[in-house]
Amino acid sequence: MNQGSPGDWAPLDPTPGSPAPPNPFVHELHLSRLQRIKLCLLGALLAPIRVLLAFIVLFLLWPFAWLQVAGLTEAQLQEPITGWRKTVCHNGVLGLSRLLFFLLGFLRIRVRGQRASRLQAPVLVAAPHSTFFDPIVLLPCDLPKVVSRAENLSVPVIGALLRFNQAILVSRHDPASRRRVVEEVRRRATSGGKWPQVLFFPEGTCSNKKALLKFKPGAFIAGVPVQPVLIRYPNSLDTTSWAWRGPGVLKVLWLTASQPCSIVDVEFLPVYHPSPEESRNPTLYANNVQRVMAQALGIPATECEFVGSLPVIVVGRLKVSLEPQLWELGKVLRKAGLSPGRVDTGAEPGRSRMISQEEFARQLQLSDPRTVAGAFSYFQQDGQGLVDFRDVALALAALDGGRSLDELTRLAFELFAEEQAEGPGRLLYRQGFSTILHLLLGSPRPAAATLHAELCQAGPHQGLSLCQFQAFSLHDPLHGKLFSTYLRPSLKPQASVPGNPMSLANGTVPAPKQKGD
């Protein structure tokens, strides 16, 4: 199998009249009047009883989970648990877990295909990941090991279940944690069947089931065969989806518990054996498995993903945030009654000047500590908690809206361009280019750096001149539209506006709904 280009899903110039792939980050639940009345009645009668009983069963799981690991040392927990603990506790947790989902309304789990043995496929990859109900897939998989955030250990009952599962834990706050997780996944996957299978949700976050998000390479690093597992909820009303924008946790739980019967389909696809090239390249391996699963599901395989807490889409050769933090910064400043155009920034072109939060407050004439802290957090800080004042100056200029796009891109170039080591003139190098795109478009810095290298290939230098930068940001047929959309946050495009960034990415314009609960 060959690796496809990053733009396989997101057409760069959507063909008029061609069907456009959906936005995987938004879920809207459209109900008829009759459905609303039915949900109100069942929500008042059925949901409270179901949720109460489910929580009782959840707490009944704790003794079995505790018993399996009670008295064992950390060294003993580094090996798979066997003997009576495995038999009694494993079967107890498995049975109670099935009862828990049954009480929530999942009366049927339909299984298709054949689950491979741990020797045939040490790793299972499940998709699409669309809801917090997806752990139901662990039941037909005989409770495989999972990967979870270390912070979940402190959650009552959930922490005990993770210890019972001997889950592989990753900490977002420890840079060395990811390396240890990679080593542990490789150790278990190559144990020759000694360890149970490890289950991954390779998308890493929830979508609306209408497209697959980009697969993260963690499940494929070991280079061993994997078995794809498809999850479907073939119900007349989609109450389970929990996307970035859509119903919140409590609403999804309540609506699902209000359904008379919810059905889950779990399908085991044939084991995917990696080629030698895929075994050496986890990203290639992940992309190819994603395409196989998308084809079986009949939905697009996308390059969309979450970077931090924000969804990122692909527009041309560039990754951009669906909603840049610049827009949120504008809301904070407007709420504080600040007009960015009235702020005298005084940033020096091409020269970094680091400022503290106190100086930031003085420059922006902000007095409320909460507003100051919130606005300051939008900028990248160094190890001493300082930010580059050029970042602030460019953000304020963009938010002001008083400059033309030509003036704004010229200002961005002047602020971050540097003198050439040899020869006259100034050039925009990788770091400055990445900073501009991150500030204005929400582009991840590594993706912006990659694009900078591609743009510089056509020229003799490792930097971009003003003409080259403006040719990319203003005159490129696709990226020019992108800049004009993002650089006017005060006129933020709504669903009906053709310049909406999602429209540029895939030819469709969603009507986002703010997440509740």
Protein backbone atom coordinates (compact mmCIF):
# COMPACT_ATOMS: atom_id res chain seq x y z
CA MET A 1 0.00 0.00 0.00
CA ASN A 2 1.20 3.50 -0.78
CA GLN A 3 0.75 6.54 1.34
CA GLY A 4 -1.62 9.14 -0.09
CA SER A 5 -1.24 12.88 -0.06
CA PRO A 6 -2.48 14.89 2.93
CA GLY A 7 -5.19 16.43 0.84
CA ASP A 8 -6.87 13.16 -0.15
CA TRP A 9 -10.03 14.02 1.76
CA ALA A 10 -10.16 17.79 1.66
CA PRO A 11 -10.36 18.90 -1.97
CA LEU A 12 -8.37 22.08 -2.40
CA ASP A 13 -10.62 23.48 -5.10
CA PRO A 14 -14.02 21.85 -4.61
CA THR A 15 -15.66 21.02 -7.89
CA PRO A 16 -18.98 22.86 -8.23
CA GLY A 17 -21.87 20.48 -7.85
CA SER A 18 -19.74 17.66 -6.41
CA PRO A 19 -20.81 16.17 -3.04
CA ALA A 20 -18.86 17.76 -0.20
CA PRO A 21 -17.53 15.71 2.74
CA PRO A 22 -19.13 16.62 6.09
CA ASN A 23 -17.59 18.52 8.96
CA PRO A 24 -16.66 15.82 11.52
CA PHE A 25 -16.50 18.27 14.45
CA VAL A 26 -20.17 19.33 14.57
CA HIS A 27 -23.22 17.29 15.57
CA GLU A 28 -26.72 18.73 15.43
CA LEU A 29 -29.71 16.78 16.63
CA HIS A 30 -32.80 17.67 14.61
CA LEU A 31 -36.04 16.55 16.24
CA SER A 32 -39.58 16.69 14.97
CA ARG A 33 -42.35 17.90 17.26
CA LEU A 34 -43.53 14.32 17.83
CA GLN A 35 -39.99 13.20 18.70
CA ARG A 36 -39.63 16.04 21.16
CA ILE A 37 -42.86 15.09 22.93
CA LYS A 38 -41.79 11.44 23.02
CA LEU A 39 -38.35 12.32 24.44
CA CYS A 40 -39.89 14.54 27.10
CA LEU A 41 -42.17 11.75 28.28
CA LEU A 42 -39.52 9.03 28.23
CA GLY A 43 -36.94 11.42 29.67
CA ALA A 44 -39.18 12.04 32.65
CA LEU A 45 -40.11 8.38 33.22
CA LEU A 46 -37.40 6.12 31.84
CA ALA A 47 -34.14 8.08 31.97
CA PRO A 48 -34.01 8.80 35.75
CA ILE A 49 -34.53 5.13 36.64
CA ARG A 50 -31.98 3.93 34.09
CA VAL A 51 -29.31 6.43 35.08
CA LEU A 52 -29.78 5.73 38.80
CA LEU A 53 -29.52 1.96 38.35
CA ALA A 54 -26.50 2.36 36.05
CA PHE A 55 -24.67 4.41 38.68
CA ILE A 56 -25.43 1.77 41.31
CA VAL A 57 -23.90 -0.91 39.05
CA LEU A 58 -20.93 1.36 38.37
CA PHE A 59 -20.15 1.51 42.06
CA LEU A 60 -20.66 -2.27 42.37
CA LEU A 61 -17.79 -2.66 39.92
CA TRP A 62 -15.37 -1.11 42.39
CA PRO A 63 -14.95 -4.14 44.75
CA PHE A 64 -14.09 -6.47 41.85
CA ALA A 65 -11.66 -3.94 40.39
CA TRP A 66 -10.02 -3.37 43.79
CA LEU A 67 -9.77 -7.07 44.59
CA GLN A 68 -7.79 -7.88 41.45
CA VAL A 69 -4.91 -5.57 42.33
CA ALA A 70 -5.15 -5.57 46.16
CA GLY A 71 -1.85 -6.48 47.80
CA LEU A 72 0.15 -6.56 44.55
CA THR A 73 3.38 -4.62 44.26
CA GLU A 74 4.23 -2.31 41.35
CA ALA A 75 6.67 -4.92 40.09
CA GLN A 76 3.94 -7.58 40.04
CA LEU A 77 1.62 -5.22 38.16
CA GLN A 78 4.20 -4.99 35.38
CA GLU A 79 3.21 -8.53 34.40
CA PRO A 80 -0.26 -9.81 33.35
CA ILE A 81 -2.41 -10.95 36.28
CA THR A 82 -3.28 -14.64 36.32
CA GLY A 83 -4.86 -17.22 38.64
CA TRP A 84 -8.00 -16.76 40.73
CA ARG A 85 -7.78 -12.97 40.60
CA LYS A 86 -8.01 -13.08 36.83
CA THR A 87 -10.89 -15.58 36.79
CA VAL A 88 -13.11 -14.10 39.50
CA CYS A 89 -12.51 -10.38 39.01
CA HIS A 90 -12.35 -10.42 35.22
CA ASN A 91 -15.66 -12.26 34.88
CA GLY A 92 -17.26 -10.10 37.57
CA VAL A 93 -16.29 -6.84 35.87
CA LEU A 94 -17.27 -8.19 32.44
CA GLY A 95 -20.74 -9.23 33.63
CA LEU A 96 -21.44 -6.03 35.56
CA SER A 97 -20.22 -3.90 32.66
CA ARG A 98 -22.67 -5.57 30.31
CA LEU A 99 -25.42 -5.00 32.87
CA LEU A 100 -24.46 -1.32 33.13
CA PHE A 101 -24.81 -0.72 29.39
CA PHE A 102 -28.02 -2.77 29.33
CA LEU A 103 -29.53 -0.53 32.00
CA LEU A 104 -28.59 2.55 29.94
CA GLY A 105 -30.66 1.17 27.08
CA PHE A 106 -28.07 -0.72 25.01
CA LEU A 107 -30.17 -3.87 24.84
CA ARG A 108 -28.36 -5.38 21.87
CA ILE A 109 -24.68 -5.64 20.91
CA ARG A 110 -24.51 -7.18 17.46
CA VAL A 111 -21.13 -8.65 16.58
CA ARG A 112 -19.95 -9.33 13.04
CA GLY A 113 -16.72 -10.93 11.94
CA GLN A 114 -14.24 -12.92 14.00
CA ARG A 115 -12.02 -11.47 16.68
CA ALA A 116 -8.41 -12.44 16.15
CA SER A 117 -6.35 -14.02 18.89
CA ARG A 118 -3.69 -12.06 20.73
CA LEU A 119 -1.03 -13.88 18.73
CA GLN A 120 -2.65 -12.99 15.41
CA ALA A 121 -3.24 -9.33 16.30
CA PRO A 122 -1.73 -7.96 19.54
CA VAL A 123 -3.36 -4.56 18.88
CA LEU A 124 -7.00 -3.64 18.21
CA VAL A 125 -7.90 -0.26 16.66
CA ALA A 126 -11.52 0.91 17.00
CA ALA A 127 -13.23 3.68 15.02
CA PRO A 128 -15.08 5.90 14.60
CA HIS A 129 -14.70 7.22 18.14
CA SER A 130 -17.88 9.26 18.57
CA THR A 131 -19.05 9.05 22.17
CA PHE A 132 -18.17 8.23 25.77
CA PHE A 133 -20.34 5.11 25.28
CA ASP A 134 -17.67 3.65 22.95
CA PRO A 135 -16.02 1.61 25.75
CA ILE A 136 -18.91 -0.80 25.14
CA VAL A 137 -16.63 -2.22 22.43
CA LEU A 138 -14.46 -3.67 25.22
CA LEU A 139 -17.16 -6.24 26.01
CA PRO A 140 -17.07 -8.29 22.79
CA CYS A 141 -13.27 -7.87 22.84
CA ASP A 142 -13.06 -9.55 26.29
CA LEU A 143 -11.85 -6.44 28.12
CA PRO A 144 -8.52 -5.74 26.37
CA LYS A 145 -6.00 -3.35 27.90
CA VAL A 146 -6.46 0.35 27.07
CA VAL A 147 -4.44 3.57 26.94
CA SER A 148 -5.72 6.39 29.15
CA ARG A 149 -4.69 9.70 30.67
CA ALA A 150 -2.87 9.37 33.99
CA GLU A 151 -5.12 12.09 35.41
CA ASN A 152 -8.08 9.66 35.21
CA LEU A 153 -6.57 7.63 38.06
CA SER A 154 -7.91 10.20 40.50
CA VAL A 155 -11.51 9.84 39.26
CA PRO A 156 -13.59 7.72 41.68
CA VAL A 157 -14.36 4.19 40.39
CA ILE A 158 -12.83 5.01 36.99
CA GLY A 159 -9.36 5.07 38.56
CA ALA A 160 -9.98 1.66 40.16
CA LEU A 161 -11.15 0.25 36.82
CA LEU A 162 -7.99 1.54 35.11
CA ARG A 163 -5.82 -0.18 37.73
CA PHE A 164 -7.87 -3.35 37.27
CA ASN A 165 -7.32 -3.10 33.52
CA GLN A 166 -3.56 -2.55 33.95
CA ALA A 167 -4.06 0.34 31.53
CA ILE A 168 -1.13 2.10 29.87
CA LEU A 169 -1.16 5.61 31.30
CA VAL A 170 0.06 8.77 29.59
CA SER A 171 0.51 12.13 31.29
CA ARG A 172 0.04 15.37 29.36
CA HIS A 173 2.26 17.21 31.84
CA ASP A 174 5.27 14.87 31.66
CA PRO A 175 7.26 15.08 28.40
CA ALA A 176 8.94 11.75 29.14
CA SER A 177 5.57 10.03 29.62
CA ARG A 178 4.90 9.59 25.90
CA ARG A 179 8.26 7.89 25.39
CA ARG A 180 7.50 5.45 28.23
CA VAL A 181 4.07 4.74 26.75
CA VAL A 182 5.62 3.94 23.38
CA GLU A 183 8.06 1.56 25.04
CA GLU A 184 5.29 -0.12 27.07
CA VAL A 185 3.04 -0.55 24.03
CA ARG A 186 5.92 -2.10 22.12
CA ARG A 187 6.77 -4.38 25.07
CA ARG A 188 3.23 -5.71 25.41
CA ALA A 189 2.58 -5.98 21.67
CA THR A 190 5.73 -8.02 21.13
CA SER A 191 5.28 -10.30 24.17
CA GLY A 192 4.27 -13.28 22.02
CA GLY A 193 0.73 -13.51 23.41
CA LYS A 194 1.76 -13.18 27.06
CA TRP A 195 -0.21 -9.94 27.43
CA PRO A 196 -3.86 -9.52 26.41
CA GLN A 197 -4.59 -7.35 23.39
CA VAL A 198 -4.31 -3.56 23.64
CA LEU A 199 -7.23 -1.49 22.34
CA PHE A 200 -6.72 1.96 20.82
CA PHE A 201 -9.08 4.64 19.60
CA PRO A 202 -6.54 6.02 17.10
CA GLU A 203 -8.50 9.21 16.36
CA GLY A 204 -7.78 10.31 19.92
CA THR A 205 -11.02 12.25 20.31
CA CYS A 206 -14.70 12.11 19.40
CA SER A 207 -16.27 13.09 16.08
CA ASN A 208 -19.79 12.85 14.67
CA LYS A 209 -19.26 9.52 12.83
CA LYS A 210 -19.57 11.19 9.40
CA ALA A 211 -15.83 11.07 8.67
CA LEU A 212 -12.72 9.53 10.22
CA LEU A 213 -10.28 11.93 11.86
CA LYS A 214 -6.57 11.51 11.24
CA PHE A 215 -5.20 8.43 13.02
CA LYS A 216 -2.45 9.06 15.55
CA PRO A 217 0.55 6.72 15.13
CA GLY A 218 0.69 5.41 18.73
CA ALA A 219 -1.17 2.16 17.98
CA PHE A 220 1.13 1.41 15.05
CA ILE A 221 4.56 2.15 16.52
CA ALA A 222 5.25 -1.48 17.42
CA GLY A 223 4.88 -2.47 13.74
CA VAL A 224 2.83 -5.58 14.61
CA PRO A 225 -0.40 -6.72 12.89
CA VAL A 226 -3.53 -4.90 14.04
CA GLN A 227 -7.20 -5.79 13.77
CA PRO A 228 -9.53 -2.93 12.81
CA VAL A 229 -12.80 -2.81 14.78
CA LEU A 230 -15.73 -0.80 13.45
CA ILE A 231 -18.33 0.74 15.80
CA ARG A 232 -21.77 1.68 14.51
CA TYR A 233 -24.91 2.92 16.24
CA PRO A 234 -27.66 2.07 13.69
CA ASN A 235 -30.47 3.78 15.58
CA SER A 236 -33.19 5.93 14.02
CA LEU A 237 -32.17 8.87 16.21
CA ASP A 238 -28.49 9.65 16.82
CA THR A 239 -28.43 10.54 20.50
CA THR A 240 -24.97 9.11 21.22
CA SER A 241 -22.66 11.45 19.24
CA TRP A 242 -20.55 13.71 21.43
CA ALA A 243 -18.66 16.03 19.08
CA TRP A 244 -16.69 19.24 19.63
CA ARG A 245 -19.85 21.21 18.96
CA GLY A 246 -23.16 19.64 19.84
CA PRO A 247 -24.98 18.24 22.88
CA GLY A 248 -22.91 18.02 26.05
CA VAL A 249 -22.27 15.06 28.36
CA LEU A 250 -25.44 15.30 30.43
CA LYS A 251 -27.68 15.84 27.42
CA VAL A 252 -26.17 12.92 25.49
CA LEU A 253 -26.54 10.66 28.56
CA TRP A 254 -30.13 11.76 29.17
CA LEU A 255 -31.25 11.50 25.55
CA THR A 256 -29.70 8.05 25.11
CA ALA A 257 -31.21 6.76 28.34
CA SER A 258 -34.59 8.06 27.10
CA GLN A 259 -34.56 5.76 24.06
CA PRO A 260 -36.57 2.53 24.43
CA CYS A 261 -33.74 0.53 22.85
CA SER A 262 -30.27 1.43 21.55
CA ILE A 263 -28.31 -0.92 19.30
CA VAL A 264 -24.54 -1.16 18.81
CA ASP A 265 -22.87 -2.96 15.91
CA VAL A 266 -19.28 -4.11 16.43
CA GLU A 267 -17.57 -5.46 13.32
CA PHE A 268 -14.17 -7.15 13.31
CA LEU A 269 -12.35 -6.64 10.00
CA PRO A 270 -9.61 -8.99 8.79
CA VAL A 271 -6.23 -8.56 10.47
CA TYR A 272 -4.08 -5.92 8.76
CA HIS A 273 -0.50 -7.13 8.27
CA PRO A 274 1.92 -4.25 7.74
CA SER A 275 4.43 -4.22 4.92
CA PRO A 276 8.12 -3.77 5.81
CA GLU A 277 7.82 -0.09 4.89
CA GLU A 278 4.74 0.35 7.11
CA SER A 279 6.49 -1.39 10.00
CA ARG A 280 9.26 1.20 9.78
CA ASN A 281 6.88 4.14 9.29
CA PRO A 282 4.04 4.32 11.87
CA THR A 283 2.46 7.34 10.17
CA LEU A 284 2.23 5.52 6.84
CA TYR A 285 0.84 2.46 8.64
CA ALA A 286 -1.79 4.58 10.45
CA ASN A 287 -2.86 6.36 7.24
CA ASN A 288 -3.33 3.11 5.35
CA VAL A 289 -5.34 1.44 8.13
CA GLN A 290 -7.48 4.59 8.35
CA ARG A 291 -8.31 4.30 4.64
CA VAL A 292 -9.23 0.63 4.97
CA MET A 293 -11.60 1.38 7.85
CA ALA A 294 -13.10 4.43 6.12
CA GLN A 295 -13.80 2.34 3.02
CA ALA A 296 -15.52 -0.34 5.09
CA LEU A 297 -17.61 2.32 6.85
CA GLY A 298 -18.43 4.17 3.63
CA ILE A 299 -17.24 7.53 4.99
CA PRO A 300 -14.29 9.81 4.10
CA ALA A 301 -10.83 9.43 5.66
CA THR A 302 -9.72 12.94 6.62
CA GLU A 303 -6.62 14.82 7.73
CA CYS A 304 -8.68 16.65 10.38
CA GLU A 305 -7.42 16.29 13.92
CA PHE A 306 -7.28 17.95 17.32
CA VAL A 307 -4.15 19.91 18.21
CA GLY A 308 -4.36 20.73 21.89
CA SER A 309 -8.01 21.54 22.49
CA LEU A 310 -8.79 22.96 19.05
CA PRO A 311 -9.90 21.15 15.88
CA VAL A 312 -7.59 21.57 12.91
CA ILE A 313 -8.61 21.28 9.26
CA VAL A 314 -6.57 21.10 6.06
CA VAL A 315 -6.84 23.93 3.56
CA GLY A 316 -4.56 23.48 0.57
CA ARG A 317 -1.07 22.75 1.89
CA LEU A 318 -1.81 24.30 5.26
CA LYS A 319 -3.37 23.14 8.50
CA VAL A 320 -5.49 25.77 10.23
CA SER A 321 -7.62 25.91 13.35
CA LEU A 322 -11.34 25.80 12.69
CA GLU A 323 -11.68 28.72 15.10
CA PRO A 324 -8.34 30.49 15.82
CA GLN A 325 -7.67 31.66 19.34
CA LEU A 326 -7.33 35.16 17.86
CA TRP A 327 -11.13 35.28 17.62
CA GLU A 328 -11.47 34.33 21.29
CA LEU A 329 -8.89 36.98 22.23
CA GLY A 330 -11.00 39.55 20.37
CA LYS A 331 -14.05 38.56 22.40
CA VAL A 332 -12.11 38.94 25.67
CA LEU A 333 -10.81 42.39 24.73
CA ARG A 334 -14.17 43.64 23.45
CA LYS A 335 -15.84 42.42 26.64
CA ALA A 336 -13.29 44.47 28.59
CA GLY A 337 -14.23 47.52 26.52
CA LEU A 338 -10.83 47.71 24.79
CA SER A 339 -10.48 48.95 21.24
CA PRO A 340 -7.28 47.39 19.81
CA GLY A 341 -6.79 50.34 17.46
CA ARG A 342 -6.36 52.73 20.38
CA VAL A 343 -3.40 50.78 21.84
CA ASP A 344 0.03 52.20 21.07
CA THR A 345 2.08 49.00 20.80
CA GLY A 346 5.42 50.43 19.67
CA ALA A 347 6.84 47.03 18.71
CA GLU A 348 10.20 47.22 16.94
CA PRO A 349 10.37 45.51 13.52
CA GLY A 350 12.59 42.43 13.44
CA ARG A 351 13.55 42.74 17.11
CA SER A 352 12.11 40.62 19.92
CA ARG A 353 11.07 42.35 23.14
CA MET A 354 9.85 40.07 25.90
CA ILE A 355 7.28 41.47 28.33
CA SER A 356 5.73 40.26 31.57
CA GLN A 357 2.04 39.99 32.37
CA GLU A 358 2.25 43.24 34.35
CA GLU A 359 3.74 45.17 31.42
CA PHE A 360 1.19 43.55 29.11
CA ALA A 361 -1.60 44.93 31.31
CA ARG A 362 -0.07 48.42 31.25
CA GLN A 363 0.38 48.43 27.48
CA LEU A 364 -3.21 47.32 26.85
CA GLN A 365 -4.60 49.53 29.62
CA LEU A 366 -6.30 46.59 31.33
CA SER A 367 -6.99 46.64 35.06
CA ASP A 368 -9.12 43.54 35.76
CA PRO A 369 -6.70 40.74 36.83
CA ARG A 370 -8.92 38.01 35.39
CA THR A 371 -9.15 39.72 31.99
CA VAL A 372 -5.39 40.32 31.97
CA ALA A 373 -4.61 36.67 32.77
CA GLY A 374 -7.09 35.44 30.17
CA ALA A 375 -5.77 37.67 27.39
CA PHE A 376 -2.11 37.00 28.28
CA SER A 377 -2.66 33.23 28.09
CA TYR A 378 -3.42 33.44 24.36
CA PHE A 379 0.24 34.17 23.59
CA GLN A 380 3.13 31.70 23.67
CA GLN A 381 5.23 32.16 26.81
CA ASP A 382 8.89 31.32 27.32
CA GLY A 383 10.36 29.51 30.30
CA GLN A 384 10.15 32.67 32.42
CA GLY A 385 6.51 33.36 31.61
CA LEU A 386 7.25 36.22 29.19
CA VAL A 387 5.72 36.81 25.75
CA ASP A 388 7.15 38.45 22.65
CA PHE A 389 5.58 41.89 22.27
CA ARG A 390 5.65 41.52 18.48
CA ASP A 391 3.04 38.75 18.89
CA VAL A 392 0.81 41.17 20.81
CA ALA A 393 1.31 43.94 18.26
CA LEU A 394 0.35 41.73 15.31
CA ALA A 395 -2.70 40.29 17.11
CA LEU A 396 -3.96 43.76 18.01
CA ALA A 397 -3.43 44.99 14.47
CA ALA A 398 -5.44 42.06 13.12
CA LEU A 399 -8.22 42.61 15.63
CA ASP A 400 -8.39 46.34 14.90
CA GLY A 401 -9.71 45.75 11.39
CA GLY A 402 -8.60 49.21 10.28
CA ARG A 403 -5.82 47.98 8.01
CA SER A 404 -6.18 46.48 4.56
CA LEU A 405 -4.94 42.93 4.04
CA ASP A 406 -1.95 44.30 2.14
CA GLU A 407 -1.04 46.57 5.07
CA LEU A 408 -1.58 43.81 7.62
CA THR A 409 0.58 41.23 5.83
CA ARG A 410 3.24 43.91 5.27
CA LEU A 411 3.20 44.68 9.00
CA ALA A 412 3.52 40.98 9.83
CA PHE A 413 6.52 40.72 7.54
CA GLU A 414 8.17 43.84 8.99
CA LEU A 415 7.72 42.60 12.55
CA PHE A 416 9.18 39.13 12.05
CA ALA A 417 11.53 39.38 9.05
CA GLU A 418 15.28 39.35 9.77
CA GLU A 419 18.32 40.76 8.08
CA GLN A 420 20.08 38.33 5.77
CA ALA A 421 23.36 36.93 6.97
CA GLU A 422 24.81 37.68 3.54
CA GLY A 423 23.42 40.26 1.17
CA PRO A 424 21.01 43.19 1.52
CA GLY A 425 17.32 43.01 2.33
CA ARG A 426 15.28 41.18 4.92
CA LEU A 427 13.75 37.69 4.78
CA LEU A 428 11.04 35.88 6.70
CA TYR A 429 12.56 32.73 8.13
CA ARG A 430 10.88 29.62 9.46
CA GLN A 431 10.32 30.74 13.05
CA GLY A 432 8.80 34.09 12.08
CA PHE A 433 6.63 32.53 9.37
CA SER A 434 5.37 29.88 11.83
CA THR A 435 4.60 32.54 14.44
CA ILE A 436 2.57 34.62 11.98
CA LEU A 437 0.49 31.67 10.79
CA HIS A 438 0.00 30.41 14.34
CA LEU A 439 -1.21 33.83 15.53
CA LEU A 440 -3.45 34.69 12.60
CA LEU A 441 -4.72 31.28 11.44
CA GLY A 442 -4.18 29.01 14.43
CA SER A 443 -1.84 26.81 12.36
CA PRO A 444 0.22 24.29 14.35
CA ARG A 445 3.83 25.47 14.28
CA PRO A 446 5.28 22.20 12.89
CA ALA A 447 2.80 22.27 9.98
CA ALA A 448 3.64 25.93 9.27
CA ALA A 449 7.37 25.14 9.36
CA THR A 450 6.87 22.34 6.82
CA LEU A 451 4.99 24.68 4.50
CA HIS A 452 7.72 27.32 4.85
CA ALA A 453 10.31 24.79 3.69
CA GLU A 454 8.14 23.95 0.66
CA LEU A 455 7.71 27.62 -0.26
CA CYS A 456 11.46 28.24 0.02
CA GLN A 457 12.32 25.40 -2.36
CA ALA A 458 11.51 27.60 -5.35
CA GLY A 459 14.01 30.29 -4.31
CA PRO A 460 17.74 30.53 -3.59
CA HIS A 461 17.29 31.47 0.08
CA GLN A 462 16.03 29.79 3.23
CA GLY A 463 13.65 32.68 3.79
CA LEU A 464 10.79 34.44 2.04
CA SER A 465 10.89 37.95 0.67
CA LEU A 466 7.96 40.32 1.14
CA CYS A 467 6.81 39.63 -2.42
CA GLN A 468 6.91 35.87 -1.88
CA PHE A 469 5.06 36.13 1.43
CA GLN A 470 2.31 38.31 -0.02
CA ALA A 471 2.06 36.10 -3.12
CA PHE A 472 1.24 33.25 -0.73
CA SER A 473 -1.01 35.14 1.71
CA LEU A 474 -2.85 37.48 -0.68
CA HIS A 475 -2.67 36.27 -4.26
CA ASP A 476 -2.82 32.47 -3.92
CA PRO A 477 -6.32 31.43 -5.10
CA LEU A 478 -7.03 29.35 -1.99
CA HIS A 479 -4.80 30.69 0.77
CA GLY A 480 -5.69 34.29 -0.14
CA LYS A 481 -9.35 33.51 0.61
CA LEU A 482 -8.26 31.87 3.85
CA PHE A 483 -6.36 34.93 5.04
CA SER A 484 -9.20 37.27 4.13
CA THR A 485 -11.59 35.10 6.17
CA TYR A 486 -9.44 34.76 9.28
CA LEU A 487 -8.05 38.28 9.43
CA ARG A 488 -11.46 39.84 10.05
CA PRO A 489 -12.52 38.21 13.36
CA SER A 490 -14.92 41.07 14.10
CA LEU A 491 -16.80 40.01 10.98
CA LYS A 492 -16.58 36.33 11.79
CA PRO A 493 -18.21 34.32 8.97
CA GLN A 494 -21.44 32.57 9.71
CA ALA A 495 -22.72 29.38 8.11
CA SER A 496 -24.19 31.19 5.16
CA VAL A 497 -21.00 33.01 4.20
CA PRO A 498 -19.06 31.40 1.33
CA GLY A 499 -15.72 32.35 2.88
CA ASN A 500 -16.22 30.13 5.92
CA PRO A 501 -12.93 28.21 6.54
CA MET A 502 -14.67 24.82 6.52
CA SER A 503 -16.15 25.79 3.17
CA LEU A 504 -12.66 26.45 1.85
CA ALA A 505 -11.49 23.07 3.13
CA ASN A 506 -14.21 20.81 1.86
CA GLY A 507 -16.78 22.78 -0.09
CA THR A 508 -19.46 22.67 2.58
CA VAL A 509 -20.56 25.26 5.10
CA PRO A 510 -21.66 23.88 8.49
CA ALA A 511 -23.91 25.68 10.91
CA PRO A 512 -22.00 25.24 14.17
CA LYS A 513 -23.85 24.96 17.43
CA GLN A 514 -22.13 25.90 20.65
CA LYS A 515 -21.49 22.95 22.96
CA GLY A 516 -23.79 22.85 25.94
CA ASP A 517 -23.48 21.40 29.43
